[in-house]
Amino acid sequence: MDEAIIDLARDIMGSPWVYTVLFAIAAIDAFFPAVPSESLVITAGVFAASGEPTLLFVIIAGALGAFLGDHISYTIGRTAGTRFRHRFEGGKRAGATFGWAERMLRQRGGLIIVVARYIPGGRTAVTLTAGTVEYPLRKFSLFDAIAAASWATYSGMIGYLGGKAFEENPLLGLAVGLGVALSITAIVELVRHQLAKRRARAATTPDDHPQELV
């Protein structure tokens, strides 16, 4: 059974269409977070360790797709604005995520655009909110290019290193790669949550004057 799965995955990853699929999935994931783009880029990285697909092209396809998708999300926020955002804010958790994204954009600017790319759901909230609050497009594009390139490189390399370490067992390499990626994401989310709680406790008066977008 494992051999059949590996052979099927190898056939897919050896197809010239794999880069188009990576590009499309990374783009869609930026504004429709139910699509697992990290998993696909990591999987491609695992198989790149054995020669196909090519790791550099995996990273480029993932980065370009992520960059395009983030700009689609930004454009949706810029044009549809609050009306579209309210659809995502139907649940308490989603509303809190968008509230956090707006605060962080005002306080941290470009840094949060880079960091949020590694937080599931956070990237969509930040890019949509950036459009809604009219964060300058030139600055958004600059920071998003950094975010997309670093994210694709990280995801591809995690898979590649796992594939190299477990060359005789690609499924184990894939499991390790996904496990590392999920663990890092969980740590980032935990640190963010703890810092937010600490700031909330330290705050004694509300900030009635939002800082300038940087």
N, C-alpha and C. Protein backbone atom coordinates (compact mmCIF):
# COMPACT_ATOMS: atom_id res chain seq x y z
N MET A 1 0.84 -1.21 0.00
CA MET A 1 0.00 0.00 0.00
C MET A 1 0.88 1.26 0.00
N ASP A 2 1.92 1.27 0.88
CA ASP A 2 2.82 2.42 0.95
C ASP A 2 3.52 2.62 -0.39
N GLU A 3 3.93 1.53 -1.03
CA GLU A 3 4.62 1.62 -2.32
C GLU A 3 3.71 2.24 -3.38
N ALA A 4 2.41 1.86 -3.35
CA ALA A 4 1.45 2.40 -4.32
C ALA A 4 1.27 3.90 -4.12
N ILE A 5 1.20 4.34 -2.85
CA ILE A 5 1.05 5.78 -2.55
C ILE A 5 2.28 6.55 -3.02
N ILE A 6 3.46 5.99 -2.73
CA ILE A 6 4.70 6.65 -3.12
C ILE A 6 4.81 6.76 -4.63
N ASP A 7 4.45 5.66 -5.34
CA ASP A 7 4.52 5.67 -6.81
C ASP A 7 3.56 6.70 -7.39
N LEU A 8 2.35 6.79 -6.82
CA LEU A 8 1.37 7.76 -7.30
C LEU A 8 1.87 9.19 -7.08
N ALA A 9 2.38 9.45 -5.87
CA ALA A 9 2.91 10.78 -5.56
C ALA A 9 4.08 11.13 -6.45
N ARG A 10 4.93 10.14 -6.73
CA ARG A 10 6.11 10.37 -7.59
C ARG A 10 5.67 10.71 -9.01
N ASP A 11 4.62 10.03 -9.51
CA ASP A 11 4.11 10.32 -10.85
C ASP A 11 3.57 11.74 -10.93
N ILE A 12 2.83 12.15 -9.88
CA ILE A 12 2.27 13.50 -9.86
C ILE A 12 3.38 14.53 -9.79
N MET A 13 4.35 14.31 -8.88
CA MET A 13 5.42 15.27 -8.69
C MET A 13 6.37 15.32 -9.89
N GLY A 14 6.39 14.26 -10.69
CA GLY A 14 7.24 14.24 -11.87
C GLY A 14 6.59 14.87 -13.09
N SER A 15 5.32 15.26 -12.96
CA SER A 15 4.60 15.86 -14.08
C SER A 15 5.03 17.32 -14.27
N PRO A 16 5.14 17.77 -15.51
CA PRO A 16 5.50 19.18 -15.75
C PRO A 16 4.42 20.15 -15.25
N TRP A 17 3.22 19.62 -14.99
CA TRP A 17 2.13 20.46 -14.52
C TRP A 17 2.21 20.74 -13.02
N VAL A 18 3.13 20.07 -12.32
CA VAL A 18 3.19 20.22 -10.87
C VAL A 18 3.45 21.67 -10.46
N TYR A 19 4.24 22.40 -11.25
CA TYR A 19 4.56 23.79 -10.90
C TYR A 19 3.33 24.69 -11.06
N THR A 20 2.52 24.39 -12.07
CA THR A 20 1.27 25.14 -12.26
C THR A 20 0.32 24.88 -11.10
N VAL A 21 0.25 23.63 -10.66
CA VAL A 21 -0.61 23.27 -9.53
C VAL A 21 -0.13 23.96 -8.26
N LEU A 22 1.18 23.94 -8.02
CA LEU A 22 1.74 24.61 -6.85
C LEU A 22 1.41 26.10 -6.85
N PHE A 23 1.58 26.72 -8.02
CA PHE A 23 1.28 28.14 -8.16
C PHE A 23 -0.19 28.42 -7.85
N ALA A 24 -1.08 27.62 -8.43
CA ALA A 24 -2.51 27.84 -8.26
C ALA A 24 -2.96 27.61 -6.82
N ILE A 25 -2.50 26.53 -6.20
CA ILE A 25 -2.90 26.23 -4.83
C ILE A 25 -2.39 27.29 -3.86
N ALA A 26 -1.15 27.74 -4.04
CA ALA A 26 -0.60 28.79 -3.18
C ALA A 26 -1.39 30.09 -3.33
N ALA A 27 -1.81 30.39 -4.55
CA ALA A 27 -2.60 31.60 -4.79
C ALA A 27 -3.97 31.51 -4.14
N ILE A 28 -4.64 30.38 -4.32
CA ILE A 28 -5.99 30.21 -3.76
C ILE A 28 -5.96 30.23 -2.24
N ASP A 29 -4.93 29.59 -1.66
CA ASP A 29 -4.82 29.51 -0.21
C ASP A 29 -4.73 30.88 0.44
N ALA A 30 -4.23 31.87 -0.27
CA ALA A 30 -4.06 33.20 0.30
C ALA A 30 -5.39 33.85 0.66
N PHE A 31 -6.45 33.56 -0.09
CA PHE A 31 -7.75 34.16 0.23
C PHE A 31 -8.83 33.12 0.51
N PHE A 32 -8.48 31.83 0.42
CA PHE A 32 -9.40 30.75 0.78
C PHE A 32 -8.58 29.74 1.60
N PRO A 33 -8.41 30.01 2.92
CA PRO A 33 -7.43 29.27 3.73
C PRO A 33 -7.72 27.79 3.97
N ALA A 34 -8.80 27.26 3.41
CA ALA A 34 -9.06 25.83 3.57
C ALA A 34 -8.15 24.99 2.68
N VAL A 35 -7.46 25.63 1.74
CA VAL A 35 -6.57 24.93 0.80
C VAL A 35 -5.18 24.79 1.44
N PRO A 36 -4.66 23.55 1.57
CA PRO A 36 -3.39 23.33 2.29
C PRO A 36 -2.15 23.55 1.43
N SER A 37 -1.79 24.79 1.17
CA SER A 37 -0.65 25.05 0.29
C SER A 37 0.68 24.62 0.92
N GLU A 38 0.84 24.83 2.25
CA GLU A 38 2.09 24.41 2.88
C GLU A 38 2.34 22.92 2.68
N SER A 39 1.30 22.12 2.87
CA SER A 39 1.44 20.67 2.73
C SER A 39 1.91 20.29 1.33
N LEU A 40 1.37 20.95 0.33
CA LEU A 40 1.74 20.63 -1.05
C LEU A 40 3.17 21.04 -1.35
N VAL A 41 3.58 22.23 -0.89
CA VAL A 41 4.96 22.69 -1.13
C VAL A 41 5.94 21.80 -0.38
N ILE A 42 5.62 21.42 0.84
CA ILE A 42 6.47 20.52 1.61
C ILE A 42 6.58 19.16 0.92
N THR A 43 5.45 18.64 0.43
CA THR A 43 5.45 17.36 -0.28
C THR A 43 6.34 17.43 -1.52
N ALA A 44 6.21 18.53 -2.27
CA ALA A 44 7.06 18.71 -3.46
C ALA A 44 8.53 18.78 -3.06
N GLY A 45 8.81 19.41 -1.92
CA GLY A 45 10.18 19.49 -1.44
C GLY A 45 10.75 18.13 -1.09
N VAL A 46 9.91 17.27 -0.48
CA VAL A 46 10.33 15.91 -0.15
C VAL A 46 10.76 15.15 -1.40
N PHE A 47 9.94 15.23 -2.43
CA PHE A 47 10.24 14.49 -3.66
C PHE A 47 11.35 15.16 -4.47
N ALA A 48 11.55 16.47 -4.25
CA ALA A 48 12.66 17.16 -4.91
C ALA A 48 14.00 16.60 -4.45
N ALA A 49 14.01 16.05 -3.25
CA ALA A 49 15.25 15.46 -2.72
C ALA A 49 15.73 14.29 -3.56
N SER A 50 14.80 13.66 -4.30
CA SER A 50 15.18 12.53 -5.16
C SER A 50 15.30 12.95 -6.63
N GLY A 51 15.17 14.25 -6.91
CA GLY A 51 15.43 14.75 -8.26
C GLY A 51 14.26 15.37 -8.98
N GLU A 52 13.04 14.94 -8.66
CA GLU A 52 11.85 15.51 -9.32
C GLU A 52 10.78 15.78 -8.28
N PRO A 53 10.19 16.97 -8.32
CA PRO A 53 10.45 18.12 -9.19
C PRO A 53 11.73 18.85 -8.75
N THR A 54 12.05 19.94 -9.44
CA THR A 54 13.24 20.73 -9.11
C THR A 54 12.93 21.69 -7.97
N LEU A 55 13.75 21.63 -6.91
CA LEU A 55 13.47 22.42 -5.70
C LEU A 55 13.35 23.91 -6.00
N LEU A 56 14.25 24.46 -6.81
CA LEU A 56 14.22 25.88 -7.11
C LEU A 56 12.90 26.28 -7.75
N PHE A 57 12.41 25.47 -8.69
CA PHE A 57 11.15 25.78 -9.36
C PHE A 57 9.96 25.61 -8.42
N VAL A 58 10.06 24.68 -7.48
CA VAL A 58 9.03 24.50 -6.45
C VAL A 58 8.90 25.78 -5.63
N ILE A 59 10.05 26.30 -5.20
CA ILE A 59 10.07 27.52 -4.39
C ILE A 59 9.55 28.72 -5.18
N ILE A 60 9.99 28.85 -6.43
CA ILE A 60 9.54 29.97 -7.26
C ILE A 60 8.03 29.91 -7.50
N ALA A 61 7.52 28.73 -7.84
CA ALA A 61 6.08 28.57 -8.10
C ALA A 61 5.27 28.89 -6.85
N GLY A 62 5.71 28.39 -5.70
CA GLY A 62 5.00 28.66 -4.46
C GLY A 62 5.02 30.13 -4.09
N ALA A 63 6.19 30.76 -4.26
CA ALA A 63 6.32 32.17 -3.90
C ALA A 63 5.47 33.07 -4.81
N LEU A 64 5.52 32.82 -6.11
CA LEU A 64 4.73 33.63 -7.05
C LEU A 64 3.24 33.46 -6.82
N GLY A 65 2.82 32.21 -6.55
CA GLY A 65 1.41 31.96 -6.26
C GLY A 65 0.96 32.67 -5.00
N ALA A 66 1.78 32.59 -3.95
CA ALA A 66 1.44 33.25 -2.69
C ALA A 66 1.37 34.76 -2.87
N PHE A 67 2.32 35.32 -3.63
CA PHE A 67 2.34 36.76 -3.86
C PHE A 67 1.08 37.21 -4.60
N LEU A 68 0.71 36.47 -5.64
CA LEU A 68 -0.50 36.81 -6.39
C LEU A 68 -1.74 36.70 -5.52
N GLY A 69 -1.85 35.58 -4.79
CA GLY A 69 -3.03 35.36 -3.94
C GLY A 69 -3.18 36.42 -2.86
N ASP A 70 -2.06 36.83 -2.26
CA ASP A 70 -2.12 37.88 -1.24
C ASP A 70 -2.61 39.19 -1.84
N HIS A 71 -2.22 39.47 -3.08
CA HIS A 71 -2.67 40.70 -3.72
C HIS A 71 -4.14 40.63 -4.14
N ILE A 72 -4.61 39.43 -4.46
CA ILE A 72 -6.05 39.27 -4.72
C ILE A 72 -6.82 39.54 -3.43
N SER A 73 -6.33 39.00 -2.31
CA SER A 73 -6.97 39.23 -1.01
C SER A 73 -6.95 40.72 -0.66
N TYR A 74 -5.81 41.37 -0.89
CA TYR A 74 -5.69 42.81 -0.63
C TYR A 74 -6.70 43.59 -1.47
N THR A 75 -6.81 43.22 -2.75
CA THR A 75 -7.74 43.90 -3.66
C THR A 75 -9.18 43.71 -3.22
N ILE A 76 -9.52 42.50 -2.77
CA ILE A 76 -10.87 42.24 -2.26
C ILE A 76 -11.16 43.15 -1.08
N GLY A 77 -10.17 43.25 -0.16
CA GLY A 77 -10.35 44.13 0.99
C GLY A 77 -10.47 45.59 0.58
N ARG A 78 -9.73 45.98 -0.44
CA ARG A 78 -9.73 47.39 -0.88
C ARG A 78 -11.04 47.75 -1.58
N THR A 79 -11.60 46.80 -2.35
CA THR A 79 -12.80 47.10 -3.14
C THR A 79 -14.10 46.76 -2.41
N ALA A 80 -14.15 45.57 -1.81
CA ALA A 80 -15.37 45.16 -1.12
C ALA A 80 -15.38 45.68 0.31
N GLY A 81 -14.17 45.88 0.87
CA GLY A 81 -14.05 46.51 2.17
C GLY A 81 -14.77 45.80 3.29
N THR A 82 -15.44 46.60 4.11
CA THR A 82 -16.06 46.11 5.34
C THR A 82 -17.12 45.06 5.07
N ARG A 83 -17.87 45.21 3.98
CA ARG A 83 -18.96 44.28 3.68
C ARG A 83 -18.44 42.85 3.53
N PHE A 84 -17.36 42.67 2.79
CA PHE A 84 -16.79 41.34 2.59
C PHE A 84 -16.18 40.83 3.88
N ARG A 85 -15.52 41.71 4.61
CA ARG A 85 -14.88 41.31 5.85
C ARG A 85 -15.89 40.80 6.86
N HIS A 86 -17.07 41.41 6.92
CA HIS A 86 -18.09 40.99 7.88
C HIS A 86 -18.54 39.56 7.63
N ARG A 87 -18.45 39.08 6.40
CA ARG A 87 -18.82 37.70 6.10
C ARG A 87 -17.87 36.73 6.80
N PHE A 88 -16.61 37.12 6.89
CA PHE A 88 -15.63 36.28 7.57
C PHE A 88 -15.75 36.41 9.09
N GLU A 89 -16.34 37.51 9.55
CA GLU A 89 -16.40 37.78 10.98
C GLU A 89 -17.66 37.22 11.62
N GLY A 90 -18.32 36.27 10.95
CA GLY A 90 -19.53 35.68 11.50
C GLY A 90 -19.31 35.01 12.83
N GLY A 91 -18.15 34.38 13.00
CA GLY A 91 -17.83 33.70 14.25
C GLY A 91 -17.00 34.57 15.16
N LYS A 92 -17.04 34.27 16.45
CA LYS A 92 -16.29 35.05 17.44
C LYS A 92 -14.80 34.99 17.17
N ARG A 93 -14.30 33.79 16.83
CA ARG A 93 -12.87 33.62 16.59
C ARG A 93 -12.41 34.43 15.37
N ALA A 94 -13.21 34.39 14.29
CA ALA A 94 -12.85 35.14 13.09
C ALA A 94 -12.85 36.63 13.36
N GLY A 95 -13.84 37.11 14.12
CA GLY A 95 -13.88 38.52 14.45
C GLY A 95 -12.67 38.96 15.25
N ALA A 96 -12.25 38.11 16.19
CA ALA A 96 -11.07 38.42 16.99
C ALA A 96 -9.81 38.44 16.12
N THR A 97 -9.74 37.54 15.14
CA THR A 97 -8.58 37.49 14.25
C THR A 97 -8.46 38.76 13.43
N PHE A 98 -9.58 39.25 12.90
CA PHE A 98 -9.55 40.48 12.11
C PHE A 98 -9.24 41.70 12.99
N GLY A 99 -9.76 41.69 14.22
CA GLY A 99 -9.45 42.78 15.13
C GLY A 99 -7.97 42.82 15.45
N TRP A 100 -7.39 41.63 15.67
CA TRP A 100 -5.94 41.53 15.92
C TRP A 100 -5.16 42.02 14.70
N ALA A 101 -5.60 41.61 13.49
CA ALA A 101 -4.89 42.00 12.26
C ALA A 101 -4.87 43.52 12.10
N GLU A 102 -5.99 44.17 12.37
CA GLU A 102 -6.04 45.62 12.21
C GLU A 102 -5.13 46.32 13.22
N ARG A 103 -5.16 45.85 14.47
CA ARG A 103 -4.29 46.46 15.49
C ARG A 103 -2.82 46.28 15.12
N MET A 104 -2.47 45.07 14.69
CA MET A 104 -1.07 44.78 14.37
C MET A 104 -0.59 45.58 13.16
N LEU A 105 -1.45 45.75 12.16
CA LEU A 105 -1.07 46.55 10.99
C LEU A 105 -0.77 47.99 11.39
N ARG A 106 -1.58 48.52 12.28
CA ARG A 106 -1.39 49.90 12.72
C ARG A 106 -0.14 50.04 13.60
N GLN A 107 0.15 49.00 14.38
CA GLN A 107 1.27 49.08 15.31
C GLN A 107 2.59 48.60 14.71
N ARG A 108 2.52 47.56 13.87
CA ARG A 108 3.75 46.92 13.38
C ARG A 108 3.95 47.06 11.88
N GLY A 109 2.91 47.46 11.15
CA GLY A 109 3.03 47.67 9.72
C GLY A 109 3.52 46.45 8.96
N GLY A 110 4.62 46.63 8.20
CA GLY A 110 5.11 45.58 7.31
C GLY A 110 5.54 44.31 8.02
N LEU A 111 6.02 44.41 9.26
CA LEU A 111 6.47 43.22 9.98
C LEU A 111 5.37 42.20 10.10
N ILE A 112 4.15 42.65 10.38
CA ILE A 112 3.06 41.71 10.59
C ILE A 112 2.65 41.03 9.28
N ILE A 113 2.86 41.71 8.14
CA ILE A 113 2.56 41.10 6.84
C ILE A 113 3.47 39.89 6.62
N VAL A 114 4.73 40.02 7.02
CA VAL A 114 5.68 38.91 6.89
C VAL A 114 5.35 37.79 7.87
N VAL A 115 5.15 38.14 9.13
CA VAL A 115 4.90 37.13 10.17
C VAL A 115 3.59 36.39 9.92
N ALA A 116 2.54 37.11 9.51
CA ALA A 116 1.22 36.51 9.35
C ALA A 116 1.18 35.43 8.27
N ARG A 117 2.11 35.47 7.32
CA ARG A 117 2.13 34.44 6.27
C ARG A 117 2.35 33.05 6.85
N TYR A 118 2.91 32.97 8.05
CA TYR A 118 3.18 31.68 8.69
C TYR A 118 2.08 31.25 9.65
N ILE A 119 1.02 32.08 9.77
CA ILE A 119 -0.07 31.78 10.70
C ILE A 119 -1.31 31.40 9.90
N PRO A 120 -1.81 30.14 10.02
CA PRO A 120 -3.01 29.73 9.29
C PRO A 120 -4.18 30.66 9.60
N GLY A 121 -4.81 31.18 8.57
CA GLY A 121 -5.91 32.12 8.75
C GLY A 121 -5.42 33.54 8.97
N GLY A 122 -4.25 33.69 9.59
CA GLY A 122 -3.72 35.02 9.86
C GLY A 122 -3.36 35.78 8.60
N ARG A 123 -2.83 35.04 7.60
CA ARG A 123 -2.42 35.70 6.36
C ARG A 123 -3.62 36.30 5.65
N THR A 124 -4.75 35.57 5.64
CA THR A 124 -5.96 36.09 4.99
C THR A 124 -6.49 37.30 5.73
N ALA A 125 -6.53 37.21 7.06
CA ALA A 125 -7.03 38.33 7.85
C ALA A 125 -6.19 39.58 7.64
N VAL A 126 -4.87 39.42 7.62
CA VAL A 126 -3.98 40.57 7.48
C VAL A 126 -4.06 41.19 6.08
N THR A 127 -4.07 40.35 5.04
CA THR A 127 -4.10 40.90 3.69
C THR A 127 -5.45 41.56 3.37
N LEU A 128 -6.54 40.94 3.81
CA LEU A 128 -7.85 41.55 3.63
C LEU A 128 -7.94 42.88 4.39
N THR A 129 -7.46 42.87 5.63
CA THR A 129 -7.51 44.07 6.45
C THR A 129 -6.61 45.16 5.88
N ALA A 130 -5.45 44.77 5.34
CA ALA A 130 -4.55 45.75 4.73
C ALA A 130 -5.26 46.50 3.61
N GLY A 131 -6.03 45.78 2.82
CA GLY A 131 -6.81 46.43 1.76
C GLY A 131 -7.91 47.30 2.32
N THR A 132 -8.60 46.80 3.35
CA THR A 132 -9.72 47.53 3.94
C THR A 132 -9.29 48.86 4.54
N VAL A 133 -8.14 48.87 5.24
CA VAL A 133 -7.66 50.11 5.88
C VAL A 133 -6.78 50.93 4.93
N GLU A 134 -6.69 50.48 3.66
CA GLU A 134 -5.93 51.19 2.63
C GLU A 134 -4.46 51.34 2.99
N TYR A 135 -3.88 50.24 3.45
CA TYR A 135 -2.43 50.21 3.66
C TYR A 135 -1.77 50.46 2.31
N PRO A 136 -0.75 51.30 2.22
CA PRO A 136 -0.16 51.67 0.92
C PRO A 136 0.26 50.44 0.11
N LEU A 137 -0.20 50.36 -1.14
CA LEU A 137 0.05 49.20 -1.98
C LEU A 137 1.54 48.97 -2.21
N ARG A 138 2.30 50.04 -2.41
CA ARG A 138 3.74 49.87 -2.68
C ARG A 138 4.43 49.19 -1.49
N LYS A 139 4.11 49.64 -0.29
CA LYS A 139 4.70 49.02 0.91
C LYS A 139 4.19 47.60 1.09
N PHE A 140 2.89 47.40 0.84
CA PHE A 140 2.32 46.06 0.96
C PHE A 140 3.04 45.09 0.02
N SER A 141 3.26 45.50 -1.22
CA SER A 141 3.91 44.64 -2.21
C SER A 141 5.34 44.30 -1.80
N LEU A 142 6.05 45.29 -1.26
CA LEU A 142 7.43 45.06 -0.83
C LEU A 142 7.49 44.02 0.28
N PHE A 143 6.71 44.24 1.33
CA PHE A 143 6.74 43.31 2.46
C PHE A 143 6.15 41.95 2.09
N ASP A 144 5.16 41.95 1.21
CA ASP A 144 4.56 40.69 0.82
C ASP A 144 5.51 39.86 -0.04
N ALA A 145 6.34 40.53 -0.84
CA ALA A 145 7.35 39.81 -1.62
C ALA A 145 8.32 39.08 -0.69
N ILE A 146 8.72 39.76 0.38
CA ILE A 146 9.60 39.14 1.38
C ILE A 146 8.89 37.97 2.04
N ALA A 147 7.62 38.18 2.39
CA ALA A 147 6.85 37.13 3.06
C ALA A 147 6.68 35.90 2.18
N ALA A 148 6.28 36.12 0.93
CA ALA A 148 6.03 35.00 0.02
C ALA A 148 7.30 34.22 -0.29
N ALA A 149 8.40 34.95 -0.53
CA ALA A 149 9.67 34.28 -0.84
C ALA A 149 10.19 33.49 0.34
N SER A 150 10.13 34.06 1.53
CA SER A 150 10.63 33.36 2.71
C SER A 150 9.76 32.16 3.05
N TRP A 151 8.44 32.30 2.91
CA TRP A 151 7.50 31.21 3.20
C TRP A 151 7.72 30.04 2.24
N ALA A 152 7.85 30.31 0.95
CA ALA A 152 8.05 29.24 -0.03
C ALA A 152 9.40 28.55 0.17
N THR A 153 10.43 29.35 0.49
CA THR A 153 11.75 28.77 0.74
C THR A 153 11.73 27.89 1.98
N TYR A 154 11.10 28.38 3.03
CA TYR A 154 10.97 27.61 4.28
C TYR A 154 10.23 26.31 4.05
N SER A 155 9.08 26.37 3.39
CA SER A 155 8.26 25.17 3.17
C SER A 155 8.98 24.17 2.27
N GLY A 156 9.56 24.67 1.18
CA GLY A 156 10.27 23.78 0.28
C GLY A 156 11.48 23.13 0.93
N MET A 157 12.25 23.90 1.71
CA MET A 157 13.45 23.37 2.35
C MET A 157 13.13 22.39 3.46
N ILE A 158 12.04 22.64 4.20
CA ILE A 158 11.62 21.70 5.25
C ILE A 158 11.36 20.33 4.62
N GLY A 159 10.63 20.32 3.49
CA GLY A 159 10.37 19.06 2.79
C GLY A 159 11.62 18.45 2.22
N TYR A 160 12.47 19.28 1.62
CA TYR A 160 13.69 18.78 0.99
C TYR A 160 14.63 18.13 2.01
N LEU A 161 14.81 18.78 3.14
CA LEU A 161 15.69 18.24 4.18
C LEU A 161 15.11 16.94 4.76
N GLY A 162 13.78 16.91 4.89
CA GLY A 162 13.14 15.67 5.35
C GLY A 162 13.31 14.56 4.34
N GLY A 163 13.20 14.89 3.05
CA GLY A 163 13.38 13.90 2.00
C GLY A 163 14.80 13.38 1.94
N LYS A 164 15.78 14.26 2.17
CA LYS A 164 17.18 13.85 2.17
C LYS A 164 17.50 12.95 3.36
N ALA A 165 16.93 13.31 4.52
CA ALA A 165 17.21 12.55 5.73
C ALA A 165 16.57 11.16 5.70
N PHE A 166 15.43 11.04 5.01
CA PHE A 166 14.72 9.76 4.96
C PHE A 166 14.53 9.34 3.50
N GLU A 167 15.63 9.32 2.78
CA GLU A 167 15.59 9.05 1.34
C GLU A 167 14.99 7.68 1.03
N GLU A 168 15.18 6.72 1.94
CA GLU A 168 14.65 5.38 1.71
C GLU A 168 13.17 5.28 2.05
N ASN A 169 12.64 6.27 2.74
CA ASN A 169 11.24 6.24 3.16
C ASN A 169 10.62 7.62 2.98
N PRO A 170 10.19 7.95 1.77
CA PRO A 170 9.63 9.29 1.50
C PRO A 170 8.43 9.63 2.37
N LEU A 171 7.59 8.65 2.71
CA LEU A 171 6.42 8.93 3.54
C LEU A 171 6.84 9.40 4.93
N LEU A 172 7.89 8.80 5.48
CA LEU A 172 8.39 9.23 6.77
C LEU A 172 8.98 10.62 6.67
N GLY A 173 9.70 10.90 5.58
CA GLY A 173 10.25 12.23 5.35
C GLY A 173 9.15 13.27 5.27
N LEU A 174 8.05 12.93 4.60
CA LEU A 174 6.91 13.84 4.49
C LEU A 174 6.28 14.08 5.86
N ALA A 175 6.11 13.01 6.64
CA ALA A 175 5.53 13.15 7.98
C ALA A 175 6.38 14.04 8.87
N VAL A 176 7.70 13.85 8.80
CA VAL A 176 8.61 14.67 9.60
C VAL A 176 8.54 16.13 9.16
N GLY A 177 8.55 16.36 7.85
CA GLY A 177 8.48 17.73 7.33
C GLY A 177 7.21 18.44 7.76
N LEU A 178 6.08 17.77 7.63
CA LEU A 178 4.80 18.36 8.04
C LEU A 178 4.77 18.59 9.55
N GLY A 179 5.33 17.63 10.30
CA GLY A 179 5.36 17.77 11.75
C GLY A 179 6.17 18.97 12.20
N VAL A 180 7.33 19.18 11.57
CA VAL A 180 8.17 20.34 11.90
C VAL A 180 7.44 21.64 11.56
N ALA A 181 6.82 21.68 10.38
CA ALA A 181 6.11 22.89 9.96
C ALA A 181 4.96 23.21 10.91
N LEU A 182 4.19 22.20 11.29
CA LEU A 182 3.07 22.41 12.21
C LEU A 182 3.57 22.85 13.58
N SER A 183 4.68 22.27 14.03
CA SER A 183 5.23 22.62 15.33
C SER A 183 5.69 24.08 15.35
N ILE A 184 6.38 24.51 14.30
CA ILE A 184 6.84 25.90 14.23
C ILE A 184 5.67 26.87 14.20
N THR A 185 4.63 26.50 13.41
CA THR A 185 3.43 27.34 13.34
C THR A 185 2.76 27.44 14.70
N ALA A 186 2.68 26.32 15.41
CA ALA A 186 2.06 26.32 16.74
C ALA A 186 2.85 27.18 17.72
N ILE A 187 4.18 27.13 17.64
CA ILE A 187 5.03 27.94 18.52
C ILE A 187 4.82 29.43 18.24
N VAL A 188 4.78 29.79 16.94
CA VAL A 188 4.54 31.19 16.56
C VAL A 188 3.21 31.67 17.11
N GLU A 189 2.18 30.84 16.96
CA GLU A 189 0.84 31.20 17.44
C GLU A 189 0.81 31.33 18.95
N LEU A 190 1.50 30.43 19.65
CA LEU A 190 1.54 30.47 21.11
C LEU A 190 2.25 31.73 21.60
N VAL A 191 3.39 32.06 20.98
CA VAL A 191 4.14 33.26 21.37
C VAL A 191 3.29 34.50 21.11
N ARG A 192 2.62 34.55 19.94
CA ARG A 192 1.76 35.69 19.63
C ARG A 192 0.66 35.84 20.67
N HIS A 193 0.05 34.72 21.06
CA HIS A 193 -1.04 34.74 22.03
C HIS A 193 -0.55 35.24 23.39
N GLN A 194 0.62 34.75 23.82
CA GLN A 194 1.16 35.16 25.11
C GLN A 194 1.53 36.64 25.12
N LEU A 195 2.13 37.12 24.01
CA LEU A 195 2.48 38.53 23.93
C LEU A 195 1.24 39.41 23.96
N ALA A 196 0.18 38.96 23.28
CA ALA A 196 -1.07 39.72 23.27
C ALA A 196 -1.66 39.80 24.68
N LYS A 197 -1.62 38.70 25.42
CA LYS A 197 -2.14 38.68 26.79
C LYS A 197 -1.31 39.60 27.69
N ARG A 198 0.02 39.58 27.49
CA ARG A 198 0.89 40.44 28.31
C ARG A 198 0.63 41.91 28.03
N ARG A 199 0.45 42.25 26.75
CA ARG A 199 0.16 43.65 26.40
C ARG A 199 -1.18 44.08 26.97
N ALA A 200 -2.17 43.17 26.93
CA ALA A 200 -3.50 43.50 27.45
C ALA A 200 -3.45 43.76 28.95
N ARG A 201 -2.64 42.97 29.67
CA ARG A 201 -2.52 43.18 31.12
C ARG A 201 -1.78 44.48 31.43
N ALA A 202 -0.78 44.80 30.58
CA ALA A 202 0.03 45.99 30.84
C ALA A 202 -0.70 47.29 30.49
N ALA A 203 -1.68 47.18 29.59
CA ALA A 203 -2.39 48.40 29.15
C ALA A 203 -3.27 48.92 30.28
N THR A 204 -3.14 50.19 30.58
CA THR A 204 -3.95 50.78 31.64
C THR A 204 -5.02 51.72 31.09
N THR A 205 -4.74 52.29 29.90
CA THR A 205 -5.72 53.17 29.27
C THR A 205 -5.82 52.82 27.80
N PRO A 206 -7.02 52.95 27.20
CA PRO A 206 -7.17 52.65 25.78
C PRO A 206 -6.45 53.66 24.92
N ASP A 207 -5.97 53.18 23.77
CA ASP A 207 -5.28 54.07 22.81
C ASP A 207 -6.30 54.65 21.86
N ASP A 208 -6.64 55.94 22.09
CA ASP A 208 -7.67 56.57 21.25
C ASP A 208 -7.10 57.14 19.96
N HIS A 209 -5.76 57.04 19.81
CA HIS A 209 -5.15 57.63 18.63
C HIS A 209 -4.33 56.59 17.92
N PRO A 210 -4.95 55.88 16.94
CA PRO A 210 -4.21 54.84 16.20
C PRO A 210 -2.95 55.40 15.59
N GLN A 211 -1.90 54.56 15.64
CA GLN A 211 -0.64 55.00 15.06
C GLN A 211 -0.72 54.99 13.54
N GLU A 212 0.15 55.78 12.94
CA GLU A 212 0.20 55.87 11.47
C GLU A 212 0.66 54.55 10.88
N LEU A 213 0.06 54.17 9.74
CA LEU A 213 0.50 52.97 9.05
C LEU A 213 1.91 53.19 8.53
N VAL A 214 2.79 52.21 8.78
CA VAL A 214 4.18 52.37 8.34
C VAL A 214 4.52 51.36 7.29
